[in-house]
N, C-alpha and C. Protein backbone atom coordinates (compact mmCIF):
# COMPACT_ATOMS: atom_id res chain seq x y z
N MET A 1 173.63 -36.61 91.23
CA MET A 1 173.57 -37.90 90.58
C MET A 1 172.94 -37.76 89.19
N LYS A 2 171.87 -36.98 89.12
CA LYS A 2 171.17 -36.77 87.85
C LYS A 2 172.11 -36.08 86.84
N LYS A 3 172.92 -35.17 87.34
CA LYS A 3 173.86 -34.43 86.50
C LYS A 3 174.87 -35.39 85.86
N TYR A 4 175.39 -36.34 86.63
CA TYR A 4 176.36 -37.31 86.11
C TYR A 4 175.72 -38.26 85.09
N LEU A 5 174.47 -38.59 85.34
CA LEU A 5 173.74 -39.45 84.41
C LEU A 5 173.56 -38.75 83.06
N ILE A 6 173.21 -37.48 83.08
CA ILE A 6 173.02 -36.71 81.85
C ILE A 6 174.35 -36.57 81.10
N ILE A 7 175.42 -36.27 81.82
CA ILE A 7 176.74 -36.14 81.19
C ILE A 7 177.16 -37.47 80.58
N SER A 8 176.94 -38.56 81.31
CA SER A 8 177.29 -39.90 80.79
C SER A 8 176.48 -40.22 79.54
N LEU A 9 175.21 -39.86 79.54
CA LEU A 9 174.35 -40.11 78.39
C LEU A 9 174.82 -39.30 77.18
N ILE A 10 175.17 -38.05 77.39
CA ILE A 10 175.67 -37.20 76.30
C ILE A 10 176.95 -37.78 75.72
N LEU A 11 177.89 -38.18 76.58
CA LEU A 11 179.14 -38.76 76.10
C LEU A 11 178.90 -40.06 75.34
N PHE A 12 177.99 -40.88 75.84
CA PHE A 12 177.67 -42.14 75.16
C PHE A 12 177.08 -41.87 73.78
N LEU A 13 176.12 -40.95 73.70
CA LEU A 13 175.47 -40.67 72.42
C LEU A 13 176.42 -40.00 71.43
N SER A 14 177.34 -39.19 71.92
CA SER A 14 178.30 -38.56 71.00
C SER A 14 179.23 -39.61 70.39
N GLY A 15 179.46 -40.70 71.08
CA GLY A 15 180.27 -41.79 70.54
C GLY A 15 179.53 -42.59 69.49
N CYS A 16 178.22 -42.46 69.41
CA CYS A 16 177.42 -43.18 68.42
C CYS A 16 177.36 -42.47 67.08
N TYR A 17 177.82 -41.25 67.00
CA TYR A 17 177.76 -40.47 65.77
C TYR A 17 178.68 -41.08 64.73
N SER A 18 178.21 -41.11 63.51
CA SER A 18 179.01 -41.64 62.41
C SER A 18 178.99 -40.68 61.25
N PHE A 19 180.13 -40.38 60.70
CA PHE A 19 180.26 -39.53 59.53
C PHE A 19 180.47 -40.43 58.33
N THR A 20 179.67 -40.24 57.29
CA THR A 20 179.75 -41.14 56.14
C THR A 20 181.03 -40.93 55.34
N GLY A 21 181.61 -39.76 55.41
CA GLY A 21 182.85 -39.52 54.69
C GLY A 21 184.01 -40.08 55.46
N GLY A 22 185.18 -39.84 54.97
CA GLY A 22 186.36 -40.32 55.66
C GLY A 22 187.59 -39.75 55.01
N ASN A 23 188.70 -40.33 55.35
CA ASN A 23 189.95 -39.87 54.78
C ASN A 23 190.12 -40.42 53.37
N ILE A 24 190.75 -39.61 52.55
CA ILE A 24 191.10 -40.06 51.20
C ILE A 24 192.15 -41.15 51.37
N PRO A 25 192.06 -42.24 50.61
CA PRO A 25 193.08 -43.30 50.73
C PRO A 25 194.49 -42.73 50.55
N SER A 26 195.41 -43.25 51.33
CA SER A 26 196.77 -42.69 51.36
C SER A 26 197.51 -42.84 50.04
N HIS A 27 197.10 -43.78 49.19
CA HIS A 27 197.80 -43.95 47.91
C HIS A 27 197.35 -42.92 46.86
N LEU A 28 196.32 -42.14 47.16
CA LEU A 28 195.85 -41.10 46.22
C LEU A 28 196.35 -39.74 46.69
N LYS A 29 197.45 -39.32 46.10
CA LYS A 29 198.07 -38.05 46.49
C LYS A 29 197.95 -36.98 45.41
N SER A 30 197.74 -37.41 44.17
CA SER A 30 197.65 -36.45 43.07
C SER A 30 196.42 -36.74 42.23
N ILE A 31 195.99 -35.71 41.51
CA ILE A 31 194.82 -35.84 40.64
C ILE A 31 195.08 -35.14 39.32
N TYR A 32 194.66 -35.79 38.26
CA TYR A 32 194.67 -35.19 36.93
C TYR A 32 193.23 -34.84 36.59
N ILE A 33 192.98 -33.57 36.32
CA ILE A 33 191.65 -33.13 35.93
C ILE A 33 191.65 -33.02 34.41
N GLN A 34 190.99 -33.98 33.80
CA GLN A 34 190.95 -34.03 32.34
C GLN A 34 190.21 -32.80 31.80
N PRO A 35 190.62 -32.29 30.63
CA PRO A 35 189.89 -31.15 30.07
C PRO A 35 188.39 -31.45 29.95
N VAL A 36 187.59 -30.48 30.32
CA VAL A 36 186.14 -30.64 30.32
C VAL A 36 185.62 -30.64 28.89
N LEU A 37 184.71 -31.56 28.61
CA LEU A 37 184.04 -31.60 27.31
C LEU A 37 182.63 -31.05 27.47
N ASP A 38 182.17 -30.33 26.44
CA ASP A 38 180.81 -29.83 26.44
C ASP A 38 180.02 -30.61 25.40
N GLN A 39 179.20 -31.53 25.87
CA GLN A 39 178.37 -32.35 24.98
C GLN A 39 176.93 -31.86 24.97
N SER A 40 176.71 -30.66 25.47
CA SER A 40 175.35 -30.14 25.60
C SER A 40 174.78 -29.62 24.29
N GLY A 41 175.65 -29.29 23.36
CA GLY A 41 175.18 -28.69 22.12
C GLY A 41 174.83 -27.22 22.28
N TYR A 42 175.16 -26.64 23.43
CA TYR A 42 174.83 -25.25 23.70
C TYR A 42 175.70 -24.30 22.89
N GLY A 43 176.93 -24.72 22.62
CA GLY A 43 177.77 -23.99 21.69
C GLY A 43 178.62 -22.86 22.24
N ASN A 44 178.79 -22.75 23.55
CA ASN A 44 179.63 -21.70 24.10
C ASN A 44 180.83 -22.34 24.79
N PRO A 45 182.02 -22.30 24.14
CA PRO A 45 183.20 -22.94 24.73
C PRO A 45 183.67 -22.28 26.02
N LEU A 46 183.21 -21.07 26.28
CA LEU A 46 183.60 -20.40 27.53
C LEU A 46 183.08 -21.15 28.75
N PHE A 47 181.95 -21.82 28.62
CA PHE A 47 181.39 -22.56 29.76
C PHE A 47 182.25 -23.77 30.09
N ARG A 48 182.73 -24.45 29.08
CA ARG A 48 183.63 -25.60 29.27
C ARG A 48 184.90 -25.13 30.00
N ASP A 49 185.45 -24.01 29.53
CA ASP A 49 186.67 -23.47 30.14
C ASP A 49 186.42 -23.00 31.57
N LYS A 50 185.25 -22.39 31.80
CA LYS A 50 184.90 -21.91 33.14
C LYS A 50 184.79 -23.08 34.12
N LEU A 51 184.16 -24.17 33.70
CA LEU A 51 184.04 -25.33 34.59
C LEU A 51 185.41 -25.93 34.87
N ALA A 52 186.24 -26.04 33.85
CA ALA A 52 187.59 -26.60 34.04
C ALA A 52 188.37 -25.76 35.04
N GLN A 53 188.33 -24.44 34.89
CA GLN A 53 189.07 -23.57 35.80
C GLN A 53 188.47 -23.60 37.20
N SER A 54 187.16 -23.68 37.31
CA SER A 54 186.52 -23.76 38.63
C SER A 54 186.91 -25.05 39.35
N LEU A 55 186.99 -26.15 38.62
CA LEU A 55 187.43 -27.42 39.22
C LEU A 55 188.86 -27.30 39.74
N ILE A 56 189.74 -26.75 38.93
CA ILE A 56 191.14 -26.58 39.35
C ILE A 56 191.21 -25.68 40.57
N ASP A 57 190.48 -24.57 40.56
CA ASP A 57 190.48 -23.65 41.70
C ASP A 57 189.97 -24.32 42.97
N GLU A 58 188.89 -25.09 42.86
CA GLU A 58 188.34 -25.79 44.03
C GLU A 58 189.35 -26.78 44.61
N PHE A 59 189.98 -27.58 43.75
CA PHE A 59 190.94 -28.57 44.23
C PHE A 59 192.19 -27.91 44.79
N ARG A 60 192.62 -26.80 44.20
CA ARG A 60 193.79 -26.09 44.75
C ARG A 60 193.48 -25.52 46.13
N SER A 61 192.31 -24.92 46.27
CA SER A 61 191.99 -24.30 47.56
C SER A 61 191.74 -25.35 48.64
N ASP A 62 191.25 -26.52 48.25
CA ASP A 62 191.02 -27.60 49.22
C ASP A 62 192.33 -28.23 49.68
N ASN A 63 193.29 -28.31 48.79
CA ASN A 63 194.64 -28.79 49.10
C ASN A 63 194.68 -30.26 49.53
N SER A 64 193.72 -31.08 49.09
CA SER A 64 193.74 -32.51 49.41
C SER A 64 194.60 -33.30 48.43
N PHE A 65 194.78 -32.76 47.24
CA PHE A 65 195.55 -33.43 46.19
C PHE A 65 196.54 -32.45 45.57
N ASN A 66 197.63 -33.02 45.03
CA ASN A 66 198.48 -32.25 44.13
C ASN A 66 197.86 -32.37 42.75
N ILE A 67 197.66 -31.26 42.08
CA ILE A 67 197.09 -31.29 40.74
C ILE A 67 198.24 -31.47 39.75
N VAL A 68 198.10 -32.48 38.89
CA VAL A 68 199.12 -32.74 37.88
C VAL A 68 198.56 -32.38 36.51
N GLU A 69 199.44 -31.99 35.61
CA GLU A 69 199.03 -31.50 34.29
C GLU A 69 198.90 -32.60 33.25
N THR A 70 199.34 -33.81 33.58
CA THR A 70 199.26 -34.91 32.62
C THR A 70 198.48 -36.06 33.25
N ALA A 71 198.15 -37.03 32.43
CA ALA A 71 197.32 -38.15 32.89
C ALA A 71 198.04 -39.10 33.84
N GLY A 72 199.23 -38.79 34.29
CA GLY A 72 199.99 -39.68 35.15
C GLY A 72 199.71 -39.56 36.63
N GLY A 73 198.64 -38.89 37.04
CA GLY A 73 198.34 -38.74 38.46
C GLY A 73 197.83 -40.03 39.08
N ASP A 74 197.81 -40.06 40.41
CA ASP A 74 197.28 -41.22 41.14
C ASP A 74 195.79 -41.41 40.87
N SER A 75 195.10 -40.31 40.57
CA SER A 75 193.68 -40.38 40.27
C SER A 75 193.37 -39.46 39.10
N LYS A 76 192.22 -39.70 38.48
CA LYS A 76 191.81 -38.89 37.33
C LYS A 76 190.35 -38.54 37.47
N LEU A 77 190.03 -37.31 37.10
CA LEU A 77 188.65 -36.83 37.14
C LEU A 77 188.24 -36.39 35.74
N GLU A 78 187.16 -36.98 35.24
CA GLU A 78 186.57 -36.58 33.96
C GLU A 78 185.24 -35.92 34.26
N VAL A 79 185.04 -34.72 33.73
CA VAL A 79 183.76 -34.04 33.90
C VAL A 79 183.31 -33.55 32.53
N ASN A 80 182.08 -33.87 32.18
CA ASN A 80 181.50 -33.45 30.92
C ASN A 80 180.19 -32.72 31.17
N ILE A 81 180.01 -31.60 30.49
CA ILE A 81 178.72 -30.91 30.52
C ILE A 81 177.81 -31.67 29.56
N THR A 82 176.72 -32.21 30.08
CA THR A 82 175.85 -33.04 29.24
C THR A 82 174.61 -32.30 28.76
N ASN A 83 174.17 -31.27 29.50
CA ASN A 83 172.96 -30.58 29.10
C ASN A 83 172.90 -29.20 29.72
N ILE A 84 172.49 -28.23 28.94
CA ILE A 84 172.16 -26.90 29.45
C ILE A 84 170.76 -26.60 28.93
N SER A 85 169.83 -26.41 29.84
CA SER A 85 168.45 -26.12 29.43
C SER A 85 168.00 -24.80 30.03
N ASP A 86 167.07 -24.17 29.36
CA ASP A 86 166.60 -22.85 29.73
C ASP A 86 165.08 -22.84 29.56
N ALA A 87 164.35 -22.49 30.62
CA ALA A 87 162.88 -22.54 30.56
C ALA A 87 162.27 -21.36 31.31
N PRO A 88 161.12 -20.90 30.88
CA PRO A 88 160.44 -19.81 31.59
C PRO A 88 159.91 -20.28 32.94
N ILE A 89 159.97 -19.38 33.94
CA ILE A 89 159.39 -19.71 35.25
C ILE A 89 158.44 -18.64 35.77
N ALA A 90 158.54 -17.44 35.22
CA ALA A 90 157.64 -16.37 35.68
C ALA A 90 157.11 -15.61 34.47
N VAL A 91 155.80 -15.42 34.49
CA VAL A 91 155.14 -14.70 33.41
C VAL A 91 154.29 -13.60 34.04
N SER A 92 154.43 -12.39 33.52
CA SER A 92 153.65 -11.27 34.05
C SER A 92 152.29 -11.22 33.34
N SER A 93 151.48 -10.29 33.76
CA SER A 93 150.18 -10.13 33.10
C SER A 93 150.42 -9.82 31.62
N GLY A 94 149.59 -10.36 30.79
CA GLY A 94 149.79 -10.19 29.36
C GLY A 94 150.67 -11.27 28.77
N ALA A 95 150.96 -12.32 29.55
CA ALA A 95 151.76 -13.48 29.10
C ALA A 95 153.15 -13.09 28.62
N ILE A 96 153.78 -12.16 29.33
CA ILE A 96 155.14 -11.75 29.00
C ILE A 96 156.08 -12.39 30.01
N GLU A 97 157.09 -13.08 29.48
CA GLU A 97 158.09 -13.71 30.36
C GLU A 97 158.86 -12.64 31.11
N THR A 98 159.11 -12.88 32.40
CA THR A 98 159.94 -11.96 33.18
C THR A 98 161.15 -12.64 33.79
N GLU A 99 161.06 -13.96 33.94
CA GLU A 99 162.15 -14.69 34.59
C GLU A 99 162.26 -16.08 33.96
N ARG A 100 163.52 -16.55 33.87
CA ARG A 100 163.78 -17.88 33.32
C ARG A 100 164.70 -18.64 34.27
N ARG A 101 164.71 -19.95 34.09
CA ARG A 101 165.59 -20.82 34.89
C ARG A 101 166.50 -21.58 33.93
N VAL A 102 167.79 -21.47 34.19
CA VAL A 102 168.76 -22.23 33.40
C VAL A 102 169.29 -23.35 34.30
N THR A 103 169.36 -24.54 33.74
CA THR A 103 169.83 -25.73 34.46
C THR A 103 170.99 -26.33 33.70
N VAL A 104 172.04 -26.69 34.43
CA VAL A 104 173.21 -27.34 33.83
C VAL A 104 173.35 -28.72 34.46
N ARG A 105 173.56 -29.71 33.60
CA ARG A 105 173.79 -31.08 34.06
C ARG A 105 175.16 -31.53 33.58
N CYS A 106 175.86 -32.22 34.48
CA CYS A 106 177.20 -32.73 34.17
C CYS A 106 177.31 -34.18 34.61
N LYS A 107 178.18 -34.89 33.95
CA LYS A 107 178.53 -36.26 34.35
C LYS A 107 180.00 -36.22 34.75
N ALA A 108 180.30 -36.82 35.90
CA ALA A 108 181.68 -36.88 36.38
C ALA A 108 182.04 -38.32 36.68
N ILE A 109 183.25 -38.70 36.29
CA ILE A 109 183.77 -40.03 36.59
C ILE A 109 185.11 -39.85 37.28
N TYR A 110 185.26 -40.53 38.40
CA TYR A 110 186.47 -40.43 39.20
C TYR A 110 187.17 -41.79 39.20
N TYR A 111 188.44 -41.79 38.79
CA TYR A 111 189.22 -43.02 38.64
C TYR A 111 190.37 -43.08 39.63
N ASP A 112 190.66 -44.27 40.09
CA ASP A 112 191.87 -44.57 40.86
C ASP A 112 192.86 -45.18 39.87
N ASN A 113 193.87 -44.40 39.49
CA ASN A 113 194.85 -44.89 38.51
C ASN A 113 195.83 -45.88 39.11
N VAL A 114 195.99 -45.86 40.43
CA VAL A 114 196.92 -46.80 41.09
C VAL A 114 196.32 -48.20 41.08
N LYS A 115 195.07 -48.31 41.51
CA LYS A 115 194.40 -49.61 41.55
C LYS A 115 193.66 -49.93 40.24
N ARG A 116 193.69 -48.99 39.32
CA ARG A 116 193.09 -49.14 37.99
C ARG A 116 191.60 -49.50 38.06
N ASN A 117 190.86 -48.67 38.79
CA ASN A 117 189.42 -48.90 38.84
C ASN A 117 188.67 -47.58 38.90
N GLU A 118 187.40 -47.65 38.53
CA GLU A 118 186.52 -46.50 38.61
C GLU A 118 186.00 -46.41 40.05
N ILE A 119 186.19 -45.27 40.67
CA ILE A 119 185.74 -45.08 42.05
C ILE A 119 184.24 -44.75 42.07
N TRP A 120 183.85 -43.80 41.24
CA TRP A 120 182.43 -43.50 41.10
C TRP A 120 182.14 -42.83 39.77
N ASN A 121 180.85 -42.86 39.43
CA ASN A 121 180.34 -42.26 38.20
C ASN A 121 179.04 -41.58 38.61
N LYS A 122 179.03 -40.24 38.61
CA LYS A 122 177.88 -39.52 39.16
C LYS A 122 177.41 -38.41 38.22
N ASP A 123 176.14 -38.09 38.35
CA ASP A 123 175.56 -36.95 37.65
C ASP A 123 175.40 -35.81 38.64
N PHE A 124 175.68 -34.60 38.17
CA PHE A 124 175.53 -33.40 38.99
C PHE A 124 174.67 -32.41 38.21
N SER A 125 173.85 -31.66 38.92
CA SER A 125 173.09 -30.61 38.26
C SER A 125 172.82 -29.49 39.26
N ALA A 126 172.61 -28.32 38.70
CA ALA A 126 172.26 -27.16 39.51
C ALA A 126 171.52 -26.19 38.60
N TYR A 127 170.80 -25.26 39.21
CA TYR A 127 170.07 -24.28 38.41
C TYR A 127 170.15 -22.91 39.05
N GLN A 128 169.88 -21.91 38.25
CA GLN A 128 169.79 -20.53 38.70
C GLN A 128 168.66 -19.87 37.92
N ASN A 129 167.98 -18.96 38.57
CA ASN A 129 166.98 -18.14 37.89
C ASN A 129 167.62 -16.83 37.48
N TYR A 130 167.14 -16.27 36.39
CA TYR A 130 167.65 -14.98 35.97
C TYR A 130 166.51 -14.16 35.35
N GLU A 131 166.66 -12.84 35.46
CA GLU A 131 165.66 -11.93 34.91
C GLU A 131 165.96 -11.66 33.45
N LEU A 132 164.93 -11.35 32.71
CA LEU A 132 165.07 -11.12 31.28
C LEU A 132 165.42 -9.68 30.92
N SER A 133 165.60 -8.83 31.93
CA SER A 133 165.90 -7.43 31.65
C SER A 133 167.18 -7.28 30.82
N ASN A 134 168.17 -8.08 31.10
CA ASN A 134 169.42 -8.09 30.32
C ASN A 134 169.73 -9.57 30.08
N ALA A 135 168.90 -10.21 29.29
CA ALA A 135 168.82 -11.67 29.21
C ALA A 135 170.15 -12.37 28.96
N LEU A 136 170.88 -11.99 27.93
CA LEU A 136 172.11 -12.71 27.59
C LEU A 136 173.14 -12.62 28.70
N ALA A 137 173.38 -11.42 29.20
CA ALA A 137 174.36 -11.25 30.28
C ALA A 137 173.90 -11.96 31.55
N ASN A 138 172.62 -11.85 31.88
CA ASN A 138 172.11 -12.50 33.09
C ASN A 138 172.16 -14.02 32.97
N ARG A 139 171.85 -14.55 31.78
CA ARG A 139 171.91 -16.01 31.59
C ARG A 139 173.35 -16.50 31.71
N ASN A 140 174.28 -15.80 31.08
CA ASN A 140 175.68 -16.21 31.16
C ASN A 140 176.20 -16.15 32.59
N GLU A 141 175.82 -15.12 33.33
CA GLU A 141 176.22 -15.01 34.74
C GLU A 141 175.62 -16.15 35.55
N ALA A 142 174.37 -16.49 35.28
CA ALA A 142 173.71 -17.59 35.99
C ALA A 142 174.43 -18.91 35.70
N ILE A 143 174.80 -19.13 34.45
CA ILE A 143 175.50 -20.37 34.09
C ILE A 143 176.86 -20.43 34.78
N GLU A 144 177.57 -19.31 34.84
CA GLU A 144 178.86 -19.30 35.53
C GLU A 144 178.71 -19.63 37.01
N LEU A 145 177.68 -19.12 37.65
CA LEU A 145 177.42 -19.45 39.06
C LEU A 145 177.12 -20.94 39.23
N ILE A 146 176.35 -21.47 38.30
CA ILE A 146 176.03 -22.91 38.33
C ILE A 146 177.29 -23.74 38.20
N LEU A 147 178.17 -23.37 37.28
CA LEU A 147 179.39 -24.13 37.06
C LEU A 147 180.29 -24.11 38.29
N GLU A 148 180.33 -22.97 38.98
CA GLU A 148 181.09 -22.90 40.23
C GLU A 148 180.49 -23.83 41.28
N GLN A 149 179.16 -23.87 41.36
CA GLN A 149 178.49 -24.76 42.31
C GLN A 149 178.75 -26.22 41.99
N ILE A 150 178.68 -26.57 40.71
CA ILE A 150 178.94 -27.95 40.31
C ILE A 150 180.38 -28.33 40.62
N ALA A 151 181.32 -27.43 40.37
CA ALA A 151 182.73 -27.71 40.69
C ALA A 151 182.89 -27.99 42.18
N ASN A 152 182.21 -27.22 43.01
CA ASN A 152 182.26 -27.45 44.45
C ASN A 152 181.62 -28.78 44.82
N ASP A 153 180.51 -29.11 44.20
CA ASP A 153 179.84 -30.39 44.47
C ASP A 153 180.71 -31.57 44.07
N VAL A 154 181.41 -31.44 42.94
CA VAL A 154 182.31 -32.51 42.49
C VAL A 154 183.46 -32.68 43.48
N LEU A 155 184.05 -31.57 43.92
CA LEU A 155 185.13 -31.64 44.91
C LEU A 155 184.64 -32.37 46.17
N LEU A 156 183.47 -31.99 46.67
CA LEU A 156 182.95 -32.64 47.88
C LEU A 156 182.72 -34.13 47.66
N ALA A 157 182.27 -34.51 46.48
CA ALA A 157 182.07 -35.93 46.19
C ALA A 157 183.40 -36.68 46.18
N VAL A 158 184.45 -36.04 45.68
CA VAL A 158 185.76 -36.69 45.62
C VAL A 158 186.36 -36.84 47.01
N VAL A 159 186.31 -35.78 47.81
CA VAL A 159 187.02 -35.83 49.10
C VAL A 159 186.21 -36.44 50.24
N SER A 160 184.89 -36.53 50.09
CA SER A 160 184.11 -37.04 51.22
C SER A 160 183.41 -38.36 50.93
N GLY A 161 183.64 -38.93 49.79
CA GLY A 161 182.92 -40.14 49.44
C GLY A 161 183.60 -41.42 49.90
N TRP A 162 184.32 -41.38 50.98
CA TRP A 162 185.06 -42.58 51.42
C TRP A 162 184.41 -43.20 52.61
């Protein structure tokens, strides 16, 4: 009897679970990913291109939308790099920097072109630490990893925010 009560309780509680995400609305089948703008003033166009390509790669691998090359898609995604900052985080004896943290912030706006409304407007950020032993290469690699993470975060916001 106790066994049946426990099984019944487990089944009842599993029915109470709620997932905040959901299915993408059926009228949104395609997405136009607008070219990424870099408004950070950092001055490296490769980062803008890296984020744009990472977004396309994430959406292609997810396969939730057909990616269209023109603004005529059912939905549109605008992503802008708004800030890239770099600050020391580790100092060795003698006040010599050994490690820095680079942070990238982006603004993304997701539009429903069919219903002609803004679905959401969100800020995304991520950071990576890097060593100063090969500072320029390590910083650029850290920024590329951040951009890949932000692209993944944007994809998750688009497909699970329903």
